[in-house]
Amino acid sequence: MSNPVKDLENAVKQLSEDQLQNFREWFDRFDAKRWDEKIEKDSASGKLDSLINKAIAEHKDGKTKRL
């Protein structure tokens, strides 16, 4: 039975330096897009509301610092 992760690992090991650099750049973009989509979905569904409300309350109570 094939293991897709192992197949990818083996394929990546065969890449030249240039190909590996291109893969890294592509994967960084791919991963960032997936992360952004998850955050947007979680935000739209209300999953982040409690964190947002807690942060706002802490700021109003003077518990935050300027960065």
PDB file of N, CA and C in Angstrom:
ATOM      1  N   MET A   1       0.851  -1.186   0.000  1.00  0.00           N
ATOM      2  CA  MET A   1       0.000   0.000   0.000  1.00  0.00           C
ATOM      3  C   MET A   1       0.895   1.246   0.000  1.00  0.00           C
ATOM      4  N   SER A   2       0.555   2.196  -0.816  1.00  0.00           N
ATOM      5  CA  SER A   2       1.339   3.421  -0.972  1.00  0.00           C
ATOM      6  C   SER A   2       1.091   4.384   0.186  1.00  0.00           C
ATOM      7  N   ASN A   3       2.161   5.063   0.595  1.00  0.00           N
ATOM      8  CA  ASN A   3       2.080   6.083   1.639  1.00  0.00           C
ATOM      9  C   ASN A   3       2.407   7.423   0.986  1.00  0.00           C
ATOM     10  N   PRO A   4       1.408   8.294   0.770  1.00  0.00           N
ATOM     11  CA  PRO A   4       1.643   9.556   0.060  1.00  0.00           C
ATOM     12  C   PRO A   4       2.712  10.436   0.704  1.00  0.00           C
ATOM     13  N   VAL A   5       2.790  10.450   2.022  1.00  0.00           N
ATOM     14  CA  VAL A   5       3.794  11.288   2.690  1.00  0.00           C
ATOM     15  C   VAL A   5       5.192  10.754   2.403  1.00  0.00           C
ATOM     16  N   LYS A   6       5.367   9.451   2.508  1.00  0.00           N
ATOM     17  CA  LYS A   6       6.675   8.849   2.200  1.00  0.00           C
ATOM     18  C   LYS A   6       7.031   9.078   0.734  1.00  0.00           C
ATOM     19  N   ASP A   7       6.041   8.975  -0.142  1.00  0.00           N
ATOM     20  CA  ASP A   7       6.287   9.224  -1.563  1.00  0.00           C
ATOM     21  C   ASP A   7       6.781  10.651  -1.777  1.00  0.00           C
ATOM     22  N   LEU A   8       6.149  11.606  -1.096  1.00  0.00           N
ATOM     23  CA  LEU A   8       6.587  13.004  -1.202  1.00  0.00           C
ATOM     24  C   LEU A   8       7.990  13.190  -0.638  1.00  0.00           C
ATOM     25  N   GLU A   9       8.250  12.586   0.522  1.00  0.00           N
ATOM     26  CA  GLU A   9       9.584  12.686   1.120  1.00  0.00           C
ATOM     27  C   GLU A   9      10.647  12.181   0.149  1.00  0.00           C
ATOM     28  N   ASN A  10      10.387  11.040  -0.450  1.00  0.00           N
ATOM     29  CA  ASN A  10      11.349  10.469  -1.395  1.00  0.00           C
ATOM     30  C   ASN A  10      11.523  11.357  -2.620  1.00  0.00           C
ATOM     31  N   ALA A  11      10.434  11.929  -3.110  1.00  0.00           N
ATOM     32  CA  ALA A  11      10.519  12.818  -4.271  1.00  0.00           C
ATOM     33  C   ALA A  11      11.319  14.069  -3.932  1.00  0.00           C
ATOM     34  N   VAL A  12      11.091  14.634  -2.755  1.00  0.00           N
ATOM     35  CA  VAL A  12      11.803  15.854  -2.348  1.00  0.00           C
ATOM     36  C   VAL A  12      13.295  15.573  -2.220  1.00  0.00           C
ATOM     37  N   LYS A  13      13.647  14.402  -1.731  1.00  0.00           N
ATOM     38  CA  LYS A  13      15.066  14.041  -1.584  1.00  0.00           C
ATOM     39  C   LYS A  13      15.785  14.003  -2.931  1.00  0.00           C
ATOM     40  N   GLN A  14      15.048  13.813  -4.003  1.00  0.00           N
ATOM     41  CA  GLN A  14      15.641  13.712  -5.336  1.00  0.00           C
ATOM     42  C   GLN A  14      15.805  15.058  -6.034  1.00  0.00           C
ATOM     43  N   LEU A  15      15.274  16.121  -5.450  1.00  0.00           N
ATOM     44  CA  LEU A  15      15.310  17.434  -6.098  1.00  0.00           C
ATOM     45  C   LEU A  15      16.709  18.036  -6.084  1.00  0.00           C
ATOM     46  N   SER A  16      17.016  18.777  -7.138  1.00  0.00           N
ATOM     47  CA  SER A  16      18.260  19.550  -7.166  1.00  0.00           C
ATOM     48  C   SER A  16      18.100  20.741  -6.224  1.00  0.00           C
ATOM     49  N   GLU A  17      19.186  21.445  -5.969  1.00  0.00           N
ATOM     50  CA  GLU A  17      19.119  22.622  -5.088  1.00  0.00           C
ATOM     51  C   GLU A  17      18.135  23.661  -5.626  1.00  0.00           C
ATOM     52  N   ASP A  18      18.187  23.926  -6.925  1.00  0.00           N
ATOM     53  CA  ASP A  18      17.263  24.901  -7.523  1.00  0.00           C
ATOM     54  C   ASP A  18      15.813  24.433  -7.407  1.00  0.00           C
ATOM     55  N   GLN A  19      15.592  23.165  -7.698  1.00  0.00           N
ATOM     56  CA  GLN A  19      14.242  22.621  -7.586  1.00  0.00           C
ATOM     57  C   GLN A  19      13.746  22.672  -6.143  1.00  0.00           C
ATOM     58  N   LEU A  20      14.633  22.381  -5.205  1.00  0.00           N
ATOM     59  CA  LEU A  20      14.261  22.415  -3.796  1.00  0.00           C
ATOM     60  C   LEU A  20      13.907  23.834  -3.366  1.00  0.00           C
ATOM     61  N   GLN A  21      14.670  24.808  -3.834  1.00  0.00           N
ATOM     62  CA  GLN A  21      14.361  26.202  -3.515  1.00  0.00           C
ATOM     63  C   GLN A  21      13.003  26.603  -4.091  1.00  0.00           C
ATOM     64  N   ASN A  22      12.730  26.202  -5.321  1.00  0.00           N
ATOM     65  CA  ASN A  22      11.425  26.482  -5.932  1.00  0.00           C
ATOM     66  C   ASN A  22      10.295  25.804  -5.158  1.00  0.00           C
ATOM     67  N   PHE A  23      10.544  24.577  -4.732  1.00  0.00           N
ATOM     68  CA  PHE A  23       9.540  23.855  -3.952  1.00  0.00           C
ATOM     69  C   PHE A  23       9.275  24.561  -2.627  1.00  0.00           C
ATOM     70  N   ARG A  24      10.340  24.989  -1.940  1.00  0.00           N
ATOM     71  CA  ARG A  24      10.173  25.711  -0.670  1.00  0.00           C
ATOM     72  C   ARG A  24       9.318  26.954  -0.854  1.00  0.00           C
ATOM     73  N   GLU A  25       9.625  27.724  -1.887  1.00  0.00           N
ATOM     74  CA  GLU A  25       8.872  28.958  -2.144  1.00  0.00           C
ATOM     75  C   GLU A  25       7.407  28.643  -2.439  1.00  0.00           C
ATOM     76  N   TRP A  26       7.176  27.625  -3.266  1.00  0.00           N
ATOM     77  CA  TRP A  26       5.802  27.233  -3.575  1.00  0.00           C
ATOM     78  C   TRP A  26       5.086  26.768  -2.314  1.00  0.00           C
ATOM     79  N   PHE A  27       5.750  25.925  -1.527  1.00  0.00           N
ATOM     80  CA  PHE A  27       5.095  25.386  -0.341  1.00  0.00           C
ATOM     81  C   PHE A  27       4.802  26.481   0.681  1.00  0.00           C
ATOM     82  N   ASP A  28       5.692  27.445   0.836  1.00  0.00           N
ATOM     83  CA  ASP A  28       5.432  28.571   1.742  1.00  0.00           C
ATOM     84  C   ASP A  28       4.161  29.309   1.332  1.00  0.00           C
ATOM     85  N   ARG A  29       4.015  29.573   0.033  1.00  0.00           N
ATOM     86  CA  ARG A  29       2.804  30.250  -0.458  1.00  0.00           C
ATOM     87  C   ARG A  29       1.567  29.376  -0.241  1.00  0.00           C
ATOM     88  N   PHE A  30       1.691  28.110  -0.567  1.00  0.00           N
ATOM     89  CA  PHE A  30       0.591  27.156  -0.410  1.00  0.00           C
ATOM     90  C   PHE A  30       0.150  27.072   1.049  1.00  0.00           C
ATOM     91  N   ASP A  31       1.099  26.924   1.951  1.00  0.00           N
ATOM     92  CA  ASP A  31       0.803  26.786   3.376  1.00  0.00           C
ATOM     93  C   ASP A  31       0.187  28.065   3.936  1.00  0.00           C
ATOM     94  N   ALA A  32       0.714  29.213   3.533  1.00  0.00           N
ATOM     95  CA  ALA A  32       0.169  30.491   4.004  1.00  0.00           C
ATOM     96  C   ALA A  32      -1.272  30.668   3.538  1.00  0.00           C
ATOM     97  N   LYS A  33      -1.546  30.285   2.299  1.00  0.00           N
ATOM     98  CA  LYS A  33      -2.914  30.404   1.776  1.00  0.00           C
ATOM     99  C   LYS A  33      -3.871  29.504   2.549  1.00  0.00           C
ATOM    100  N   ARG A  34      -3.467  28.272   2.810  1.00  0.00           N
ATOM    101  CA  ARG A  34      -4.310  27.347   3.578  1.00  0.00           C
ATOM    102  C   ARG A  34      -4.562  27.885   4.981  1.00  0.00           C
ATOM    103  N   TRP A  35      -3.505  28.448   5.618  1.00  0.00           N
ATOM    104  CA  TRP A  35      -3.636  29.015   6.958  1.00  0.00           C
ATOM    105  C   TRP A  35      -4.620  30.188   6.939  1.00  0.00           C
ATOM    106  N   ASP A  36      -4.464  31.076   5.966  1.00  0.00           N
ATOM    107  CA  ASP A  36      -5.365  32.227   5.854  1.00  0.00           C
ATOM    108  C   ASP A  36      -6.813  31.778   5.675  1.00  0.00           C
ATOM    109  N   GLU A  37      -7.021  30.760   4.843  1.00  0.00           N
ATOM    110  CA  GLU A  37      -8.373  30.247   4.620  1.00  0.00           C
ATOM    111  C   GLU A  37      -8.965  29.674   5.908  1.00  0.00           C
ATOM    112  N   LYS A  38      -8.150  28.982   6.689  1.00  0.00           N
ATOM    113  CA  LYS A  38      -8.632  28.417   7.958  1.00  0.00           C
ATOM    114  C   LYS A  38      -8.986  29.526   8.939  1.00  0.00           C
ATOM    115  N   ILE A  39      -8.148  30.549   9.038  1.00  0.00           N
ATOM    116  CA  ILE A  39      -8.431  31.670   9.939  1.00  0.00           C
ATOM    117  C   ILE A  39      -9.726  32.364   9.510  1.00  0.00           C
ATOM    118  N   GLU A  40      -9.891  32.598   8.215  1.00  0.00           N
ATOM    119  CA  GLU A  40     -11.121  33.234   7.720  1.00  0.00           C
ATOM    120  C   GLU A  40     -12.351  32.391   8.055  1.00  0.00           C
ATOM    121  N   LYS A  41     -12.250  31.086   7.856  1.00  0.00           N
ATOM    122  CA  LYS A  41     -13.369  30.184   8.151  1.00  0.00           C
ATOM    123  C   LYS A  41     -13.684  30.198   9.649  1.00  0.00           C
ATOM    124  N   ASP A  42     -12.646  30.110  10.480  1.00  0.00           N
ATOM    125  CA  ASP A  42     -12.850  30.124  11.929  1.00  0.00           C
ATOM    126  C   ASP A  42     -13.441  31.453  12.389  1.00  0.00           C
ATOM    127  N   SER A  43     -12.987  32.536  11.796  1.00  0.00           N
ATOM    128  CA  SER A  43     -13.507  33.852  12.154  1.00  0.00           C
ATOM    129  C   SER A  43     -14.979  33.979  11.760  1.00  0.00           C
ATOM    130  N   ALA A  44     -15.303  33.553  10.550  1.00  0.00           N
ATOM    131  CA  ALA A  44     -16.686  33.650  10.067  1.00  0.00           C
ATOM    132  C   ALA A  44     -17.640  32.777  10.878  1.00  0.00           C
ATOM    133  N   SER A  45     -17.131  31.666  11.401  1.00  0.00           N
ATOM    134  CA  SER A  45     -17.992  30.754  12.166  1.00  0.00           C
ATOM    135  C   SER A  45     -18.113  31.149  13.633  1.00  0.00           C
ATOM    136  N   GLY A  46     -17.340  32.165  14.051  1.00  0.00           N
ATOM    137  CA  GLY A  46     -17.418  32.621  15.437  1.00  0.00           C
ATOM    138  C   GLY A  46     -16.449  31.933  16.377  1.00  0.00           C
ATOM    139  N   LYS A  47     -15.610  31.035  15.856  1.00  0.00           N
ATOM    140  CA  LYS A  47     -14.678  30.311  16.720  1.00  0.00           C
ATOM    141  C   LYS A  47     -13.672  31.228  17.415  1.00  0.00           C
ATOM    142  N   LEU A  48     -13.420  32.393  16.838  1.00  0.00           N
ATOM    143  CA  LEU A  48     -12.424  33.302  17.414  1.00  0.00           C
ATOM    144  C   LEU A  48     -13.045  34.383  18.292  1.00  0.00           C
ATOM    145  N   ASP A  49     -14.364  34.417  18.367  1.00  0.00           N
ATOM    146  CA  ASP A  49     -15.044  35.488  19.102  1.00  0.00           C
ATOM    147  C   ASP A  49     -14.603  35.586  20.556  1.00  0.00           C
ATOM    148  N   SER A  50     -14.458  34.450  21.235  1.00  0.00           N
ATOM    149  CA  SER A  50     -14.077  34.503  22.650  1.00  0.00           C
ATOM    150  C   SER A  50     -12.676  35.078  22.817  1.00  0.00           C
ATOM    151  N   LEU A  51     -11.768  34.739  21.914  1.00  0.00           N
ATOM    152  CA  LEU A  51     -10.412  35.297  21.981  1.00  0.00           C
ATOM    153  C   LEU A  51     -10.421  36.798  21.712  1.00  0.00           C
ATOM    154  N   ILE A  52     -11.207  37.202  20.740  1.00  0.00           N
ATOM    155  CA  ILE A  52     -11.310  38.624  20.401  1.00  0.00           C
ATOM    156  C   ILE A  52     -11.893  39.403  21.574  1.00  0.00           C
ATOM    157  N   ASN A  53     -12.961  38.888  22.147  1.00  0.00           N
ATOM    158  CA  ASN A  53     -13.603  39.576  23.268  1.00  0.00           C
ATOM    159  C   ASN A  53     -12.681  39.658  24.479  1.00  0.00           C
ATOM    160  N   LYS A  54     -11.924  38.597  24.728  1.00  0.00           N
ATOM    161  CA  LYS A  54     -10.973  38.609  25.846  1.00  0.00           C
ATOM    162  C   LYS A  54      -9.890  39.658  25.612  1.00  0.00           C
ATOM    163  N   ALA A  55      -9.365  39.729  24.404  1.00  0.00           N
ATOM    164  CA  ALA A  55      -8.324  40.706  24.084  1.00  0.00           C
ATOM    165  C   ALA A  55      -8.847  42.131  24.220  1.00  0.00           C
ATOM    166  N   ILE A  56     -10.050  42.380  23.757  1.00  0.00           N
ATOM    167  CA  ILE A  56     -10.645  43.720  23.868  1.00  0.00           C
ATOM    168  C   ILE A  56     -10.837  44.085  25.336  1.00  0.00           C
ATOM    169  N   ALA A  57     -11.327  43.142  26.134  1.00  0.00           N
ATOM    170  CA  ALA A  57     -11.543  43.403  27.562  1.00  0.00           C
ATOM    171  C   ALA A  57     -10.222  43.695  28.267  1.00  0.00           C
ATOM    172  N   GLU A  58      -9.183  42.936  27.956  1.00  0.00           N
ATOM    173  CA  GLU A  58      -7.876  43.171  28.576  1.00  0.00           C
ATOM    174  C   GLU A  58      -7.325  44.533  28.177  1.00  0.00           C
ATOM    175  N   HIS A  59      -7.545  44.918  26.944  1.00  0.00           N
ATOM    176  CA  HIS A  59      -7.076  46.230  26.496  1.00  0.00           C
ATOM    177  C   HIS A  59      -7.822  47.340  27.234  1.00  0.00           C
ATOM    178  N   LYS A  60      -9.134  47.191  27.350  1.00  0.00           N
ATOM    179  CA  LYS A  60      -9.934  48.195  28.065  1.00  0.00           C
ATOM    180  C   LYS A  60      -9.527  48.294  29.532  1.00  0.00           C
ATOM    181  N   ASP A  61      -9.089  47.181  30.114  1.00  0.00           N
ATOM    182  CA  ASP A  61      -8.669  47.157  31.515  1.00  0.00           C
ATOM    183  C   ASP A  61      -7.223  47.616  31.700  1.00  0.00           C
ATOM    184  N   GLY A  62      -6.586  48.049  30.614  1.00  0.00           N
ATOM    185  CA  GLY A  62      -5.212  48.540  30.700  1.00  0.00           C
ATOM    186  C   GLY A  62      -4.174  47.444  30.866  1.00  0.00           C
ATOM    187  N   LYS A  63      -4.492  46.238  30.466  1.00  0.00           N
ATOM    188  CA  LYS A  63      -3.574  45.106  30.632  1.00  0.00           C
ATOM    189  C   LYS A  63      -2.716  44.849  29.393  1.00  0.00           C
ATOM    190  N   THR A  64      -2.715  45.776  28.465  1.00  0.00           N
ATOM    191  CA  THR A  64      -1.918  45.597  27.253  1.00  0.00           C
ATOM    192  C   THR A  64      -0.792  46.612  27.223  1.00  0.00           C
ATOM    193  N   LYS A  65       0.221  46.314  26.420  1.00  0.00           N
ATOM    194  CA  LYS A  65       1.364  47.216  26.249  1.00  0.00           C
ATOM    195  C   LYS A  65       1.485  47.589  24.783  1.00  0.00           C
ATOM    196  N   ARG A  66       1.999  48.755  24.567  1.00  0.00           N
ATOM    197  CA  ARG A  66       2.281  49.195  23.200  1.00  0.00           C
ATOM    198  C   ARG A  66       3.507  48.432  22.699  1.00  0.00           C
ATOM    199  N   LEU A  67       3.431  47.943  21.489  1.00  0.00           N
ATOM    200  CA  LEU A  67       4.563  47.198  20.911  1.00  0.00           C
ATOM    201  C   LEU A  67       5.583  48.112  20.307  1.00  0.00           C
TER     202      LEU A  67
END
